Amino acid sequence: MEILNTNIDNVKSQMRKGVLEYCILAIINKHDAYASSIIAELKYANMIVVEGTLYPLLIRQKNQGLLEYRWEESTQGPPRKYYKITEKGKQALAEMDAAWKEVVETISILKSN
């Protein structure tokens, strides 16, 4: 049974990694956000992620033109980098929404047969 639990944990981890960029865009599409607030939202939704995982994804999405950022002063410490989704990012998010629906429908079909 322990082997099964290890495999399930690995599968769940891989699934989370696979949708993490999608989740980041979904969060930033709702509102501009800084890294710590993104992590808090992901953790609240049980998407366990650490800063070391998040920052490279934010940088990649920025370099792809999906996100942009601005610095804002903070009353609680140093200035914060707030990320904002771009028009290209909104288009990518719409494509990811469609792809996600397709995956869910495919799994539903496979499970029902």
PDB file of N, CA and C in Angstrom:
ATOM      1  N   MET A   1       0.825  -1.198   0.000  1.00  0.00           N
ATOM      2  CA  MET A   1       0.000   0.000   0.000  1.00  0.00           C
ATOM      3  C   MET A   1       0.869   1.261   0.000  1.00  0.00           C
ATOM      4  N   GLU A   2       2.029   1.187   0.636  1.00  0.00           N
ATOM      5  CA  GLU A   2       2.920   2.353   0.697  1.00  0.00           C
ATOM      6  C   GLU A   2       3.403   2.747  -0.699  1.00  0.00           C
ATOM      7  N   ILE A   3       3.670   1.771  -1.554  1.00  0.00           N
ATOM      8  CA  ILE A   3       4.095   2.063  -2.927  1.00  0.00           C
ATOM      9  C   ILE A   3       2.993   2.805  -3.662  1.00  0.00           C
ATOM     10  N   LEU A   4       1.757   2.386  -3.481  1.00  0.00           N
ATOM     11  CA  LEU A   4       0.623   3.045  -4.117  1.00  0.00           C
ATOM     12  C   LEU A   4       0.532   4.505  -3.668  1.00  0.00           C
ATOM     13  N   ASN A   5       0.660   4.756  -2.358  1.00  0.00           N
ATOM     14  CA  ASN A   5       0.604   6.124  -1.840  1.00  0.00           C
ATOM     15  C   ASN A   5       1.717   6.980  -2.419  1.00  0.00           C
ATOM     16  N   THR A   6       2.914   6.433  -2.540  1.00  0.00           N
ATOM     17  CA  THR A   6       4.038   7.165  -3.113  1.00  0.00           C
ATOM     18  C   THR A   6       3.753   7.516  -4.565  1.00  0.00           C
ATOM     19  N   ASN A   7       3.220   6.552  -5.325  1.00  0.00           N
ATOM     20  CA  ASN A   7       2.883   6.811  -6.725  1.00  0.00           C
ATOM     21  C   ASN A   7       1.800   7.868  -6.842  1.00  0.00           C
ATOM     22  N   ILE A   8       0.784   7.798  -5.996  1.00  0.00           N
ATOM     23  CA  ILE A   8      -0.307   8.779  -6.026  1.00  0.00           C
ATOM     24  C   ILE A   8       0.241  10.161  -5.698  1.00  0.00           C
ATOM     25  N   ASP A   9       1.092  10.249  -4.688  1.00  0.00           N
ATOM     26  CA  ASP A   9       1.690  11.540  -4.332  1.00  0.00           C
ATOM     27  C   ASP A   9       2.494  12.106  -5.492  1.00  0.00           C
ATOM     28  N   ASN A  10       3.235  11.257  -6.184  1.00  0.00           N
ATOM     29  CA  ASN A  10       4.023  11.685  -7.327  1.00  0.00           C
ATOM     30  C   ASN A  10       3.127  12.166  -8.461  1.00  0.00           C
ATOM     31  N   VAL A  11       2.056  11.435  -8.724  1.00  0.00           N
ATOM     32  CA  VAL A  11       1.115  11.817  -9.781  1.00  0.00           C
ATOM     33  C   VAL A  11       0.487  13.169  -9.440  1.00  0.00           C
ATOM     34  N   LYS A  12       0.055  13.335  -8.196  1.00  0.00           N
ATOM     35  CA  LYS A  12      -0.554  14.602  -7.777  1.00  0.00           C
ATOM     36  C   LYS A  12       0.438  15.755  -7.917  1.00  0.00           C
ATOM     37  N   SER A  13       1.676  15.506  -7.543  1.00  0.00           N
ATOM     38  CA  SER A  13       2.709  16.533  -7.655  1.00  0.00           C
ATOM     39  C   SER A  13       2.924  16.924  -9.115  1.00  0.00           C
ATOM     40  N   GLN A  14       2.993  15.939 -10.001  1.00  0.00           N
ATOM     41  CA  GLN A  14       3.186  16.212 -11.424  1.00  0.00           C
ATOM     42  C   GLN A  14       1.991  16.960 -12.011  1.00  0.00           C
ATOM     43  N   MET A  15       0.789  16.609 -11.580  1.00  0.00           N
ATOM     44  CA  MET A  15      -0.402  17.318 -12.060  1.00  0.00           C
ATOM     45  C   MET A  15      -0.357  18.785 -11.635  1.00  0.00           C
ATOM     46  N   ARG A  16       0.010  19.021 -10.381  1.00  0.00           N
ATOM     47  CA  ARG A  16       0.096  20.405  -9.891  1.00  0.00           C
ATOM     48  C   ARG A  16       1.120  21.201 -10.694  1.00  0.00           C
ATOM     49  N   LYS A  17       2.278  20.598 -10.920  1.00  0.00           N
ATOM     50  CA  LYS A  17       3.312  21.299 -11.694  1.00  0.00           C
ATOM     51  C   LYS A  17       2.815  21.622 -13.092  1.00  0.00           C
ATOM     52  N   GLY A  18       2.039  20.698 -13.659  1.00  0.00           N
ATOM     53  CA  GLY A  18       1.551  20.880 -15.019  1.00  0.00           C
ATOM     54  C   GLY A  18       0.567  22.024 -15.171  1.00  0.00           C
ATOM     55  N   VAL A  19      -0.155  22.356 -14.109  1.00  0.00           N
ATOM     56  CA  VAL A  19      -1.160  23.422 -14.209  1.00  0.00           C
ATOM     57  C   VAL A  19      -0.753  24.690 -13.466  1.00  0.00           C
ATOM     58  N   LEU A  20       0.442  24.723 -12.934  1.00  0.00           N
ATOM     59  CA  LEU A  20       0.863  25.866 -12.126  1.00  0.00           C
ATOM     60  C   LEU A  20       0.892  27.174 -12.917  1.00  0.00           C
ATOM     61  N   GLU A  21       1.415  27.150 -14.136  1.00  0.00           N
ATOM     62  CA  GLU A  21       1.453  28.372 -14.939  1.00  0.00           C
ATOM     63  C   GLU A  21       0.041  28.851 -15.252  1.00  0.00           C
ATOM     64  N   TYR A  22      -0.847  27.930 -15.488  1.00  0.00           N
ATOM     65  CA  TYR A  22      -2.257  28.248 -15.729  1.00  0.00           C
ATOM     66  C   TYR A  22      -2.849  28.928 -14.487  1.00  0.00           C
ATOM     67  N   CYS A  23      -2.578  28.352 -13.313  1.00  0.00           N
ATOM     68  CA  CYS A  23      -3.098  28.911 -12.064  1.00  0.00           C
ATOM     69  C   CYS A  23      -2.562  30.322 -11.811  1.00  0.00           C
ATOM     70  N   ILE A  24      -1.289  30.540 -12.103  1.00  0.00           N
ATOM     71  CA  ILE A  24      -0.684  31.856 -11.904  1.00  0.00           C
ATOM     72  C   ILE A  24      -1.389  32.892 -12.774  1.00  0.00           C
ATOM     73  N   LEU A  25      -1.591  32.581 -14.039  1.00  0.00           N
ATOM     74  CA  LEU A  25      -2.289  33.515 -14.922  1.00  0.00           C
ATOM     75  C   LEU A  25      -3.718  33.755 -14.444  1.00  0.00           C
ATOM     76  N   ALA A  26      -4.389  32.711 -13.967  1.00  0.00           N
ATOM     77  CA  ALA A  26      -5.763  32.854 -13.487  1.00  0.00           C
ATOM     78  C   ALA A  26      -5.828  33.808 -12.296  1.00  0.00           C
ATOM     79  N   ILE A  27      -4.874  33.697 -11.388  1.00  0.00           N
ATOM     80  CA  ILE A  27      -4.839  34.581 -10.215  1.00  0.00           C
ATOM     81  C   ILE A  27      -4.593  36.025 -10.649  1.00  0.00           C
ATOM     82  N   ILE A  28      -3.579  36.223 -11.479  1.00  0.00           N
ATOM     83  CA  ILE A  28      -3.205  37.585 -11.878  1.00  0.00           C
ATOM     84  C   ILE A  28      -4.261  38.189 -12.797  1.00  0.00           C
ATOM     85  N   ASN A  29      -5.027  37.375 -13.468  1.00  0.00           N
ATOM     86  CA  ASN A  29      -6.119  37.891 -14.293  1.00  0.00           C
ATOM     87  C   ASN A  29      -7.211  38.520 -13.419  1.00  0.00           C
ATOM     88  N   LYS A  30      -7.400  37.989 -12.209  1.00  0.00           N
ATOM     89  CA  LYS A  30      -8.410  38.530 -11.292  1.00  0.00           C
ATOM     90  C   LYS A  30      -7.980  39.878 -10.720  1.00  0.00           C
ATOM     91  N   HIS A  31      -6.669  39.994 -10.428  1.00  0.00           N
ATOM     92  CA  HIS A  31      -6.146  41.216  -9.820  1.00  0.00           C
ATOM     93  C   HIS A  31      -4.628  41.212  -9.899  1.00  0.00           C
ATOM     94  N   ASP A  32      -4.034  42.401  -9.981  1.00  0.00           N
ATOM     95  CA  ASP A  32      -2.582  42.496  -9.939  1.00  0.00           C
ATOM     96  C   ASP A  32      -2.123  41.899  -8.613  1.00  0.00           C
ATOM     97  N   ALA A  33      -0.976  41.237  -8.616  1.00  0.00           N
ATOM     98  CA  ALA A  33      -0.547  40.543  -7.410  1.00  0.00           C
ATOM     99  C   ALA A  33       0.974  40.515  -7.316  1.00  0.00           C
ATOM    100  N   TYR A  34       1.476  40.430  -6.093  1.00  0.00           N
ATOM    101  CA  TYR A  34       2.907  40.252  -5.868  1.00  0.00           C
ATOM    102  C   TYR A  34       3.147  38.807  -5.441  1.00  0.00           C
ATOM    103  N   ALA A  35       4.384  38.372  -5.500  1.00  0.00           N
ATOM    104  CA  ALA A  35       4.713  36.950  -5.341  1.00  0.00           C
ATOM    105  C   ALA A  35       4.138  36.335  -4.064  1.00  0.00           C
ATOM    106  N   SER A  36       4.289  37.007  -2.937  1.00  0.00           N
ATOM    107  CA  SER A  36       3.800  36.430  -1.677  1.00  0.00           C
ATOM    108  C   SER A  36       2.292  36.241  -1.687  1.00  0.00           C
ATOM    109  N   SER A  37       1.567  37.168  -2.298  1.00  0.00           N
ATOM    110  CA  SER A  37       0.110  37.020  -2.346  1.00  0.00           C
ATOM    111  C   SER A  37      -0.287  35.896  -3.302  1.00  0.00           C
ATOM    112  N   ILE A  38       0.488  35.708  -4.371  1.00  0.00           N
ATOM    113  CA  ILE A  38       0.223  34.602  -5.308  1.00  0.00           C
ATOM    114  C   ILE A  38       0.426  33.271  -4.588  1.00  0.00           C
ATOM    115  N   ILE A  39       1.517  33.174  -3.846  1.00  0.00           N
ATOM    116  CA  ILE A  39       1.795  31.948  -3.083  1.00  0.00           C
ATOM    117  C   ILE A  39       0.679  31.690  -2.076  1.00  0.00           C
ATOM    118  N   ALA A  40       0.223  32.729  -1.390  1.00  0.00           N
ATOM    119  CA  ALA A  40      -0.853  32.566  -0.405  1.00  0.00           C
ATOM    120  C   ALA A  40      -2.126  32.037  -1.068  1.00  0.00           C
ATOM    121  N   GLU A  41      -2.469  32.576  -2.240  1.00  0.00           N
ATOM    122  CA  GLU A  41      -3.668  32.098  -2.940  1.00  0.00           C
ATOM    123  C   GLU A  41      -3.507  30.658  -3.403  1.00  0.00           C
ATOM    124  N   LEU A  42      -2.322  30.327  -3.891  1.00  0.00           N
ATOM    125  CA  LEU A  42      -2.071  28.955  -4.327  1.00  0.00           C
ATOM    126  C   LEU A  42      -2.160  27.991  -3.147  1.00  0.00           C
ATOM    127  N   LYS A  43      -1.575  28.365  -2.017  1.00  0.00           N
ATOM    128  CA  LYS A  43      -1.633  27.506  -0.827  1.00  0.00           C
ATOM    129  C   LYS A  43      -3.059  27.366  -0.327  1.00  0.00           C
ATOM    130  N   TYR A  44      -3.832  28.457  -0.363  1.00  0.00           N
ATOM    131  CA  TYR A  44      -5.231  28.410   0.057  1.00  0.00           C
ATOM    132  C   TYR A  44      -6.012  27.404  -0.789  1.00  0.00           C
ATOM    133  N   ALA A  45      -5.656  27.314  -2.055  1.00  0.00           N
ATOM    134  CA  ALA A  45      -6.318  26.391  -2.986  1.00  0.00           C
ATOM    135  C   ALA A  45      -5.657  25.005  -2.984  1.00  0.00           C
ATOM    136  N   ASN A  46      -4.774  24.765  -2.016  1.00  0.00           N
ATOM    137  CA  ASN A  46      -4.057  23.485  -1.890  1.00  0.00           C
ATOM    138  C   ASN A  46      -3.104  23.198  -3.040  1.00  0.00           C
ATOM    139  N   MET A  47      -2.637  24.245  -3.696  1.00  0.00           N
ATOM    140  CA  MET A  47      -1.575  24.103  -4.696  1.00  0.00           C
ATOM    141  C   MET A  47      -0.283  24.470  -3.982  1.00  0.00           C
ATOM    142  N   ILE A  48       0.376  23.489  -3.429  1.00  0.00           N
ATOM    143  CA  ILE A  48       1.564  23.741  -2.634  1.00  0.00           C
ATOM    144  C   ILE A  48       2.692  24.191  -3.540  1.00  0.00           C
ATOM    145  N   VAL A  49       3.232  25.370  -3.240  1.00  0.00           N
ATOM    146  CA  VAL A  49       4.300  25.932  -4.053  1.00  0.00           C
ATOM    147  C   VAL A  49       5.192  26.785  -3.156  1.00  0.00           C
ATOM    148  N   VAL A  50       6.465  26.846  -3.495  1.00  0.00           N
ATOM    149  CA  VAL A  50       7.406  27.672  -2.745  1.00  0.00           C
ATOM    150  C   VAL A  50       7.937  28.759  -3.666  1.00  0.00           C
ATOM    151  N   GLU A  51       8.516  29.785  -3.057  1.00  0.00           N
ATOM    152  CA  GLU A  51       9.019  30.902  -3.846  1.00  0.00           C
ATOM    153  C   GLU A  51      10.019  30.457  -4.900  1.00  0.00           C
ATOM    154  N   GLY A  52      10.841  29.476  -4.561  1.00  0.00           N
ATOM    155  CA  GLY A  52      11.842  28.988  -5.505  1.00  0.00           C
ATOM    156  C   GLY A  52      11.228  28.388  -6.757  1.00  0.00           C
ATOM    157  N   THR A  53      10.001  27.941  -6.672  1.00  0.00           N
ATOM    158  CA  THR A  53       9.274  27.423  -7.833  1.00  0.00           C
ATOM    159  C   THR A  53       8.560  28.543  -8.567  1.00  0.00           C
ATOM    160  N   LEU A  54       7.991  29.480  -7.807  1.00  0.00           N
ATOM    161  CA  LEU A  54       7.167  30.536  -8.394  1.00  0.00           C
ATOM    162  C   LEU A  54       7.977  31.537  -9.208  1.00  0.00           C
ATOM    163  N   TYR A  55       9.087  32.020  -8.673  1.00  0.00           N
ATOM    164  CA  TYR A  55       9.827  33.092  -9.347  1.00  0.00           C
ATOM    165  C   TYR A  55      10.282  32.743 -10.759  1.00  0.00           C
ATOM    166  N   PRO A  56      10.834  31.559 -10.989  1.00  0.00           N
ATOM    167  CA  PRO A  56      11.211  31.228 -12.378  1.00  0.00           C
ATOM    168  C   PRO A  56      10.015  31.225 -13.331  1.00  0.00           C
ATOM    169  N   LEU A  57       8.852  30.797 -12.846  1.00  0.00           N
ATOM    170  CA  LEU A  57       7.661  30.796 -13.693  1.00  0.00           C
ATOM    171  C   LEU A  57       7.205  32.221 -13.995  1.00  0.00           C
ATOM    172  N   LEU A  58       7.248  33.099 -12.995  1.00  0.00           N
ATOM    173  CA  LEU A  58       6.885  34.499 -13.218  1.00  0.00           C
ATOM    174  C   LEU A  58       7.833  35.150 -14.221  1.00  0.00           C
ATOM    175  N   ILE A  59       9.117  34.862 -14.087  1.00  0.00           N
ATOM    176  CA  ILE A  59      10.106  35.431 -15.011  1.00  0.00           C
ATOM    177  C   ILE A  59       9.852  34.916 -16.433  1.00  0.00           C
ATOM    178  N   ARG A  60       9.594  33.609 -16.553  1.00  0.00           N
ATOM    179  CA  ARG A  60       9.337  33.039 -17.878  1.00  0.00           C
ATOM    180  C   ARG A  60       8.081  33.661 -18.489  1.00  0.00           C
ATOM    181  N   GLN A  61       7.018  33.791 -17.705  1.00  0.00           N
ATOM    182  CA  GLN A  61       5.782  34.377 -18.233  1.00  0.00           C
ATOM    183  C   GLN A  61       5.989  35.845 -18.609  1.00  0.00           C
ATOM    184  N   LYS A  62       6.795  36.557 -17.847  1.00  0.00           N
ATOM    185  CA  LYS A  62       7.112  37.952 -18.189  1.00  0.00           C
ATOM    186  C   LYS A  62       7.905  37.995 -19.494  1.00  0.00           C
ATOM    187  N   ASN A  63       8.896  37.143 -19.615  1.00  0.00           N
ATOM    188  CA  ASN A  63       9.723  37.113 -20.831  1.00  0.00           C
ATOM    189  C   ASN A  63       8.921  36.697 -22.063  1.00  0.00           C
ATOM    190  N   GLN A  64       7.863  35.929 -21.872  1.00  0.00           N
ATOM    191  CA  GLN A  64       6.995  35.527 -22.977  1.00  0.00           C
ATOM    192  C   GLN A  64       5.973  36.614 -23.309  1.00  0.00           C
ATOM    193  N   GLY A  65       5.958  37.682 -22.523  1.00  0.00           N
ATOM    194  CA  GLY A  65       5.021  38.770 -22.769  1.00  0.00           C
ATOM    195  C   GLY A  65       3.638  38.535 -22.199  1.00  0.00           C
ATOM    196  N   LEU A  66       3.505  37.543 -21.320  1.00  0.00           N
ATOM    197  CA  LEU A  66       2.208  37.228 -20.723  1.00  0.00           C
ATOM    198  C   LEU A  66       1.918  38.105 -19.510  1.00  0.00           C
ATOM    199  N   LEU A  67       2.987  38.559 -18.868  1.00  0.00           N
ATOM    200  CA  LEU A  67       2.882  39.393 -17.671  1.00  0.00           C
ATOM    201  C   LEU A  67       3.780  40.609 -17.817  1.00  0.00           C
ATOM    202  N   GLU A  68       3.442  41.645 -17.067  1.00  0.00           N
ATOM    203  CA  GLU A  68       4.330  42.780 -16.893  1.00  0.00           C
ATOM    204  C   GLU A  68       4.299  43.114 -15.403  1.00  0.00           C
ATOM    205  N   TYR A  69       5.195  43.959 -14.957  1.00  0.00           N
ATOM    206  CA  TYR A  69       5.186  44.288 -13.535  1.00  0.00           C
ATOM    207  C   TYR A  69       5.501  45.756 -13.304  1.00  0.00           C
ATOM    208  N   ARG A  70       5.192  46.168 -12.085  1.00  0.00           N
ATOM    209  CA  ARG A  70       5.508  47.516 -11.625  1.00  0.00           C
ATOM    210  C   ARG A  70       5.902  47.406 -10.156  1.00  0.00           C
ATOM    211  N   TRP A  71       6.695  48.349  -9.710  1.00  0.00           N
ATOM    212  CA  TRP A  71       7.087  48.405  -8.305  1.00  0.00           C
ATOM    213  C   TRP A  71       6.144  49.327  -7.558  1.00  0.00           C
ATOM    214  N   GLU A  72       5.731  48.921  -6.352  1.00  0.00           N
ATOM    215  CA  GLU A  72       4.894  49.761  -5.498  1.00  0.00           C
ATOM    216  C   GLU A  72       5.482  49.785  -4.107  1.00  0.00           C
ATOM    217  N   GLU A  73       5.461  50.973  -3.517  1.00  0.00           N
ATOM    218  CA  GLU A  73       5.910  51.095  -2.127  1.00  0.00           C
ATOM    219  C   GLU A  73       4.973  50.291  -1.232  1.00  0.00           C
ATOM    220  N   SER A  74       5.527  49.760  -0.155  1.00  0.00           N
ATOM    221  CA  SER A  74       4.747  48.977   0.789  1.00  0.00           C
ATOM    222  C   SER A  74       4.842  49.612   2.169  1.00  0.00           C
ATOM    223  N   THR A  75       3.750  49.579   2.896  1.00  0.00           N
ATOM    224  CA  THR A  75       3.775  50.085   4.277  1.00  0.00           C
ATOM    225  C   THR A  75       4.404  49.062   5.214  1.00  0.00           C
ATOM    226  N   GLN A  76       4.590  47.839   4.711  1.00  0.00           N
ATOM    227  CA  GLN A  76       5.115  46.748   5.530  1.00  0.00           C
ATOM    228  C   GLN A  76       6.444  46.230   5.002  1.00  0.00           C
ATOM    229  N   GLY A  77       7.383  47.125   4.734  1.00  0.00           N
ATOM    230  CA  GLY A  77       8.694  46.669   4.276  1.00  0.00           C
ATOM    231  C   GLY A  77       9.097  47.294   2.957  1.00  0.00           C
ATOM    232  N   PRO A  78       9.957  46.584   2.224  1.00  0.00           N
ATOM    233  CA  PRO A  78      10.476  47.125   0.959  1.00  0.00           C
ATOM    234  C   PRO A  78       9.401  47.185  -0.123  1.00  0.00           C
ATOM    235  N   PRO A  79       9.680  47.888  -1.217  1.00  0.00           N
ATOM    236  CA  PRO A  79       8.713  47.944  -2.323  1.00  0.00           C
ATOM    237  C   PRO A  79       8.393  46.539  -2.843  1.00  0.00           C
ATOM    238  N   ARG A  80       7.203  46.395  -3.376  1.00  0.00           N
ATOM    239  CA  ARG A  80       6.756  45.104  -3.895  1.00  0.00           C
ATOM    240  C   ARG A  80       6.617  45.173  -5.410  1.00  0.00           C
ATOM    241  N   LYS A  81       6.954  44.051  -6.048  1.00  0.00           N
ATOM    242  CA  LYS A  81       6.797  43.930  -7.494  1.00  0.00           C
ATOM    243  C   LYS A  81       5.427  43.327  -7.757  1.00  0.00           C
ATOM    244  N   TYR A  82       4.539  44.130  -8.338  1.00  0.00           N
ATOM    245  CA  TYR A  82       3.191  43.675  -8.667  1.00  0.00           C
ATOM    246  C   TYR A  82       3.136  43.241 -10.130  1.00  0.00           C
ATOM    247  N   TYR A  83       2.625  42.025 -10.331  1.00  0.00           N
ATOM    248  CA  TYR A  83       2.495  41.483 -11.680  1.00  0.00           C
ATOM    249  C   TYR A  83       1.090  41.759 -12.201  1.00  0.00           C
ATOM    250  N   LYS A  84       1.022  42.051 -13.500  1.00  0.00           N
ATOM    251  CA  LYS A  84      -0.237  42.328 -14.184  1.00  0.00           C
ATOM    252  C   LYS A  84      -0.255  41.509 -15.462  1.00  0.00           C
ATOM    253  N   ILE A  85      -1.409  40.959 -15.788  1.00  0.00           N
ATOM    254  CA  ILE A  85      -1.533  40.170 -17.014  1.00  0.00           C
ATOM    255  C   ILE A  85      -1.639  41.124 -18.214  1.00  0.00           C
ATOM    256  N   THR A  86      -1.010  40.747 -19.300  1.00  0.00           N
ATOM    257  CA  THR A  86      -1.058  41.545 -20.538  1.00  0.00           C
ATOM    258  C   THR A  86      -2.179  41.014 -21.432  1.00  0.00           C
ATOM    259  N   GLU A  87      -2.414  41.699 -22.540  1.00  0.00           N
ATOM    260  CA  GLU A  87      -3.400  41.198 -23.504  1.00  0.00           C
ATOM    261  C   GLU A  87      -2.978  39.832 -24.037  1.00  0.00           C
ATOM    262  N   LYS A  88      -1.690  39.681 -24.299  1.00  0.00           N
ATOM    263  CA  LYS A  88      -1.177  38.384 -24.759  1.00  0.00           C
ATOM    264  C   LYS A  88      -1.399  37.322 -23.675  1.00  0.00           C
ATOM    265  N   GLY A  89      -1.227  37.711 -22.425  1.00  0.00           N
ATOM    266  CA  GLY A  89      -1.471  36.795 -21.313  1.00  0.00           C
ATOM    267  C   GLY A  89      -2.929  36.391 -21.216  1.00  0.00           C
ATOM    268  N   LYS A  90      -3.832  37.353 -21.467  1.00  0.00           N
ATOM    269  CA  LYS A  90      -5.268  37.048 -21.448  1.00  0.00           C
ATOM    270  C   LYS A  90      -5.627  36.073 -22.573  1.00  0.00           C
ATOM    271  N   GLN A  91      -4.991  36.241 -23.725  1.00  0.00           N
ATOM    272  CA  GLN A  91      -5.225  35.312 -24.836  1.00  0.00           C
ATOM    273  C   GLN A  91      -4.710  33.915 -24.476  1.00  0.00           C
ATOM    274  N   ALA A  92      -3.516  33.873 -23.867  1.00  0.00           N
ATOM    275  CA  ALA A  92      -2.953  32.584 -23.455  1.00  0.00           C
ATOM    276  C   ALA A  92      -3.844  31.925 -22.416  1.00  0.00           C
ATOM    277  N   LEU A  93      -4.377  32.715 -21.481  1.00  0.00           N
ATOM    278  CA  LEU A  93      -5.273  32.177 -20.456  1.00  0.00           C
ATOM    279  C   LEU A  93      -6.537  31.609 -21.094  1.00  0.00           C
ATOM    280  N   ALA A  94      -7.089  32.293 -22.074  1.00  0.00           N
ATOM    281  CA  ALA A  94      -8.280  31.790 -22.769  1.00  0.00           C
ATOM    282  C   ALA A  94      -7.973  30.462 -23.463  1.00  0.00           C
ATOM    283  N   GLU A  95      -6.789  30.361 -24.064  1.00  0.00           N
ATOM    284  CA  GLU A  95      -6.386  29.107 -24.706  1.00  0.00           C
ATOM    285  C   GLU A  95      -6.210  28.001 -23.675  1.00  0.00           C
ATOM    286  N   MET A  96      -5.657  28.353 -22.511  1.00  0.00           N
ATOM    287  CA  MET A  96      -5.491  27.370 -21.439  1.00  0.00           C
ATOM    288  C   MET A  96      -6.848  26.932 -20.897  1.00  0.00           C
ATOM    289  N   ASP A  97      -7.802  27.874 -20.794  1.00  0.00           N
ATOM    290  CA  ASP A  97      -9.162  27.520 -20.364  1.00  0.00           C
ATOM    291  C   ASP A  97      -9.753  26.469 -21.303  1.00  0.00           C
ATOM    292  N   ALA A  98      -9.614  26.697 -22.598  1.00  0.00           N
ATOM    293  CA  ALA A  98     -10.146  25.757 -23.597  1.00  0.00           C
ATOM    294  C   ALA A  98      -9.433  24.412 -23.498  1.00  0.00           C
ATOM    295  N   ALA A  99      -8.115  24.442 -23.326  1.00  0.00           N
ATOM    296  CA  ALA A  99      -7.351  23.194 -23.219  1.00  0.00           C
ATOM    297  C   ALA A  99      -7.758  22.426 -21.961  1.00  0.00           C
ATOM    298  N   TRP A 100      -7.981  23.144 -20.861  1.00  0.00           N
ATOM    299  CA  TRP A 100      -8.380  22.498 -19.610  1.00  0.00           C
ATOM    300  C   TRP A 100      -9.744  21.822 -19.778  1.00  0.00           C
ATOM    301  N   LYS A 101     -10.699  22.526 -20.401  1.00  0.00           N
ATOM    302  CA  LYS A 101     -12.020  21.940 -20.653  1.00  0.00           C
ATOM    303  C   LYS A 101     -11.887  20.665 -21.479  1.00  0.00           C
ATOM    304  N   GLU A 102     -11.019  20.723 -22.478  1.00  0.00           N
ATOM    305  CA  GLU A 102     -10.806  19.556 -23.347  1.00  0.00           C
ATOM    306  C   GLU A 102     -10.253  18.376 -22.552  1.00  0.00           C
ATOM    307  N   VAL A 103      -9.299  18.643 -21.671  1.00  0.00           N
ATOM    308  CA  VAL A 103      -8.712  17.574 -20.853  1.00  0.00           C
ATOM    309  C   VAL A 103      -9.771  16.972 -19.936  1.00  0.00           C
ATOM    310  N   VAL A 104     -10.549  17.819 -19.276  1.00  0.00           N
ATOM    311  CA  VAL A 104     -11.594  17.331 -18.369  1.00  0.00           C
ATOM    312  C   VAL A 104     -12.621  16.507 -19.137  1.00  0.00           C
ATOM    313  N   GLU A 105     -13.014  16.974 -20.323  1.00  0.00           N
ATOM    314  CA  GLU A 105     -13.985  16.221 -21.128  1.00  0.00           C
ATOM    315  C   GLU A 105     -13.407  14.890 -21.566  1.00  0.00           C
ATOM    316  N   THR A 106     -12.140  14.865 -21.947  1.00  0.00           N
ATOM    317  CA  THR A 106     -11.496  13.623 -22.364  1.00  0.00           C
ATOM    318  C   THR A 106     -11.473  12.624 -21.226  1.00  0.00           C
ATOM    319  N   ILE A 107     -11.095  13.082 -20.043  1.00  0.00           N
ATOM    320  CA  ILE A 107     -11.050  12.183 -18.885  1.00  0.00           C
ATOM    321  C   ILE A 107     -12.445  11.669 -18.550  1.00  0.00           C
ATOM    322  N   SER A 108     -13.442  12.544 -18.644  1.00  0.00           N
ATOM    323  CA  SER A 108     -14.825  12.125 -18.380  1.00  0.00           C
ATOM    324  C   SER A 108     -15.263  11.040 -19.355  1.00  0.00           C
ATOM    325  N   ILE A 109     -14.917  11.206 -20.612  1.00  0.00           N
ATOM    326  CA  ILE A 109     -15.266  10.205 -21.633  1.00  0.00           C
ATOM    327  C   ILE A 109     -14.573   8.884 -21.312  1.00  0.00           C
ATOM    328  N   LEU A 110     -13.298   8.949 -20.995  1.00  0.00           N
ATOM    329  CA  LEU A 110     -12.540   7.729 -20.717  1.00  0.00           C
ATOM    330  C   LEU A 110     -13.049   7.005 -19.482  1.00  0.00           C
ATOM    331  N   LYS A 111     -13.439   7.763 -18.493  1.00  0.00           N
ATOM    332  CA  LYS A 111     -13.932   7.143 -17.239  1.00  0.00           C
ATOM    333  C   LYS A 111     -15.312   6.528 -17.424  1.00  0.00           C
ATOM    334  N   SER A 112     -16.110   7.088 -18.321  1.00  0.00           N
ATOM    335  CA  SER A 112     -17.485   6.603 -18.469  1.00  0.00           C
ATOM    336  C   SER A 112     -17.583   5.392 -19.401  1.00  0.00           C
ATOM    337  N   ASN A 113     -16.551   5.110 -20.142  1.00  0.00           N
ATOM    338  CA  ASN A 113     -16.587   3.956 -21.063  1.00  0.00           C
ATOM    339  C   ASN A 113     -16.177   2.686 -20.365  1.00  0.00           C
TER     340      ASN A 113
END
